[in-house]
Amino acid sequence: MSSAYGILRQALTGGGREFLRNAQRMQAVGPDEEGGLGFIFEGCFYIAAPWPLRDLPRALGLMRRALERKACKRNYYYVGLANYHLQNYAEARDFFAKSASAKPEFLSEFDFAAGLTQEAEHGVKLATDALKAAGDQDDAANSV
């Protein structure tokens, strides 16, 4: 059995399925709690899941639903992350920049705010570098 098969099996039947179920419960019980954290959790599942479960457009849609509930440090970051994975580098850079400068608002954000800021700043650099590599000099020059 290959490790990829094991990862897929776990995502479908084990901890991954339970994680997804819990994220969906959070959305049903309190969709606005912690700024839509249940949507972020489900979106992260679809970014991290192996093929054939990985679904980047769905992840972005879920992240945007959280952002609609609350424009906050964490939600900006995850919308940036989903855009980065979709190779929407200009949008990714802009959302990472918003995350880097936003102040934490929820207890769950305070716990990892410094790390989130660091990752968001790194995301700005990666997205800007990707824009330059793609030859989009105008967009890269508009780096935030």
Protein backbone atom coordinates (compact mmCIF):
# COMPACT_ATOMS: atom_id res chain seq x y z
CA MET A 1 0.00 0.00 0.00
CA SER A 2 1.44 3.38 -0.97
CA SER A 3 1.51 6.30 1.45
CA ALA A 4 -0.74 8.27 -0.93
CA TYR A 5 -3.38 5.57 -0.67
CA GLY A 6 -3.11 5.68 3.13
CA ILE A 7 -3.50 9.46 3.19
CA LEU A 8 -6.52 9.27 0.90
CA ARG A 9 -8.08 6.49 2.96
CA GLN A 10 -7.60 8.53 6.15
CA ALA A 11 -9.16 11.61 4.52
CA LEU A 12 -12.17 9.60 3.38
CA THR A 13 -12.79 7.39 6.40
CA GLY A 14 -10.77 8.54 9.39
CA GLY A 15 -9.66 11.73 11.00
CA GLY A 16 -10.15 13.79 7.85
CA ARG A 17 -13.81 12.88 7.64
CA GLU A 18 -14.32 13.69 11.34
CA PHE A 19 -12.51 17.02 10.91
CA LEU A 20 -14.79 17.91 8.00
CA ARG A 21 -17.89 16.88 9.95
CA ASN A 22 -16.83 19.07 12.90
CA ALA A 23 -16.21 22.07 10.63
CA GLN A 24 -19.66 21.67 9.11
CA ARG A 25 -21.22 21.37 12.57
CA MET A 26 -19.57 24.66 13.54
CA GLN A 27 -21.12 26.31 10.49
CA ALA A 28 -24.56 24.94 11.28
CA VAL A 29 -24.57 25.79 14.99
CA GLY A 30 -22.85 29.18 14.87
CA PRO A 31 -21.84 30.34 11.41
CA ASP A 32 -20.73 33.74 12.76
CA GLU A 33 -18.81 32.37 15.74
CA GLU A 34 -15.19 33.46 15.74
CA GLY A 35 -15.74 35.20 12.42
CA GLY A 36 -16.84 32.10 10.52
CA LEU A 37 -14.12 29.79 11.84
CA GLY A 38 -16.06 26.70 10.71
CA PHE A 39 -15.79 27.90 7.09
CA ILE A 40 -12.04 28.41 7.51
CA PHE A 41 -11.64 24.89 8.89
CA GLU A 42 -13.58 23.34 6.02
CA GLY A 43 -11.67 25.45 3.49
CA CYS A 44 -8.38 24.26 4.97
CA PHE A 45 -9.53 20.68 4.55
CA TYR A 46 -10.04 21.22 0.82
CA ILE A 47 -6.63 22.88 0.44
CA ALA A 48 -4.78 20.14 2.32
CA ALA A 49 -6.77 17.13 1.11
CA PRO A 50 -5.14 14.80 -1.37
CA TRP A 51 -6.49 14.26 -4.87
CA PRO A 52 -9.31 13.61 -5.65
CA LEU A 53 -10.70 15.47 -2.62
CA ARG A 54 -8.58 18.59 -3.00
CA ASP A 55 -10.84 21.37 -4.27
CA LEU A 56 -9.21 24.79 -4.41
CA PRO A 57 -12.19 26.73 -5.85
CA ARG A 58 -14.39 25.29 -3.10
CA ALA A 59 -11.77 26.21 -0.49
CA LEU A 60 -11.68 29.79 -1.76
CA GLY A 61 -15.48 30.00 -1.66
CA LEU A 62 -15.51 28.82 1.96
CA MET A 63 -12.75 31.26 2.92
CA ARG A 64 -14.71 34.09 1.31
CA ARG A 65 -17.80 33.10 3.29
CA ALA A 66 -15.79 33.51 6.48
CA LEU A 67 -14.46 36.87 5.26
CA GLU A 68 -18.04 38.02 4.56
CA ARG A 69 -18.83 37.31 8.20
CA LYS A 70 -15.78 39.11 9.54
CA ALA A 71 -12.91 40.95 7.88
CA CYS A 72 -10.14 39.91 10.27
CA LYS A 73 -6.48 38.93 10.32
CA ARG A 74 -7.10 35.18 10.06
CA ASN A 75 -9.75 35.40 7.33
CA TYR A 76 -7.64 37.74 5.19
CA TYR A 77 -4.74 35.30 5.49
CA TYR A 78 -6.75 32.26 4.43
CA VAL A 79 -8.38 34.05 1.48
CA GLY A 80 -4.82 34.96 0.46
CA LEU A 81 -3.68 31.37 0.88
CA ALA A 82 -6.49 29.96 -1.26
CA ASN A 83 -5.82 32.57 -3.96
CA TYR A 84 -2.11 31.72 -3.87
CA HIS A 85 -2.83 28.02 -4.41
CA LEU A 86 -5.10 28.99 -7.31
CA GLN A 87 -2.23 31.08 -8.74
CA ASN A 88 -4.22 34.31 -8.34
CA TYR A 89 -1.04 35.98 -7.15
CA ALA A 90 -2.13 39.63 -7.21
CA GLU A 91 -5.19 38.85 -5.10
CA ALA A 92 -3.14 36.61 -2.82
CA ARG A 93 -0.59 39.37 -2.27
CA ASP A 94 -3.31 41.91 -1.45
CA PHE A 95 -5.04 39.65 1.09
CA PHE A 96 -1.74 38.63 2.68
CA ALA A 97 -0.87 42.32 3.05
CA LYS A 98 -4.22 43.02 4.73
CA SER A 99 -3.61 40.12 7.09
CA ALA A 100 -0.11 41.29 7.95
CA SER A 101 -1.35 44.73 8.99
CA ALA A 102 -4.61 43.69 10.70
CA LYS A 103 -4.84 43.45 14.47
CA PRO A 104 -6.06 40.20 16.03
CA GLU A 105 -9.68 40.31 17.19
CA PHE A 106 -10.54 36.84 18.49
CA LEU A 107 -8.94 34.77 21.22
CA SER A 108 -8.08 32.18 18.60
CA GLU A 109 -6.21 34.88 16.64
CA PHE A 110 -4.27 36.23 19.62
CA ASP A 111 -2.83 32.76 20.19
CA PHE A 112 -1.04 32.77 16.85
CA ALA A 113 -1.09 36.42 15.72
CA ALA A 114 2.70 36.81 15.56
CA GLY A 115 3.08 33.64 13.49
CA LEU A 116 0.20 34.63 11.25
CA THR A 117 1.79 38.04 10.64
CA GLN A 118 5.08 36.37 9.77
CA GLU A 119 3.40 33.94 7.38
CA ALA A 120 1.34 36.73 5.79
CA GLU A 121 4.48 38.80 5.18
CA HIS A 122 6.12 35.73 3.67
CA GLY A 123 3.01 35.25 1.50
CA VAL A 124 3.33 38.83 0.22
CA LYS A 125 6.92 38.08 -0.83
CA LEU A 126 6.05 34.75 -2.47
CA ALA A 127 3.10 36.22 -4.39
CA THR A 128 5.17 39.23 -5.50
CA ASP A 129 7.98 36.92 -6.65
CA ALA A 130 5.46 34.77 -8.55
CA LEU A 131 4.10 37.86 -10.30
CA LYS A 132 7.62 38.90 -11.30
CA ALA A 133 8.40 35.38 -12.54
CA ALA A 134 5.24 35.42 -14.61
CA GLY A 135 6.37 38.68 -16.19
CA ASP A 136 3.62 40.74 -14.60
CA GLN A 137 5.99 43.57 -13.71
CA ASP A 138 3.21 46.18 -13.38
CA ASP A 139 1.33 44.09 -10.85
CA ALA A 140 4.52 43.17 -9.00
CA ALA A 141 5.48 46.85 -8.84
CA ASN A 142 2.16 47.59 -7.16
CA SER A 143 3.27 45.43 -4.26
CA VAL A 144 1.65 46.60 -1.08
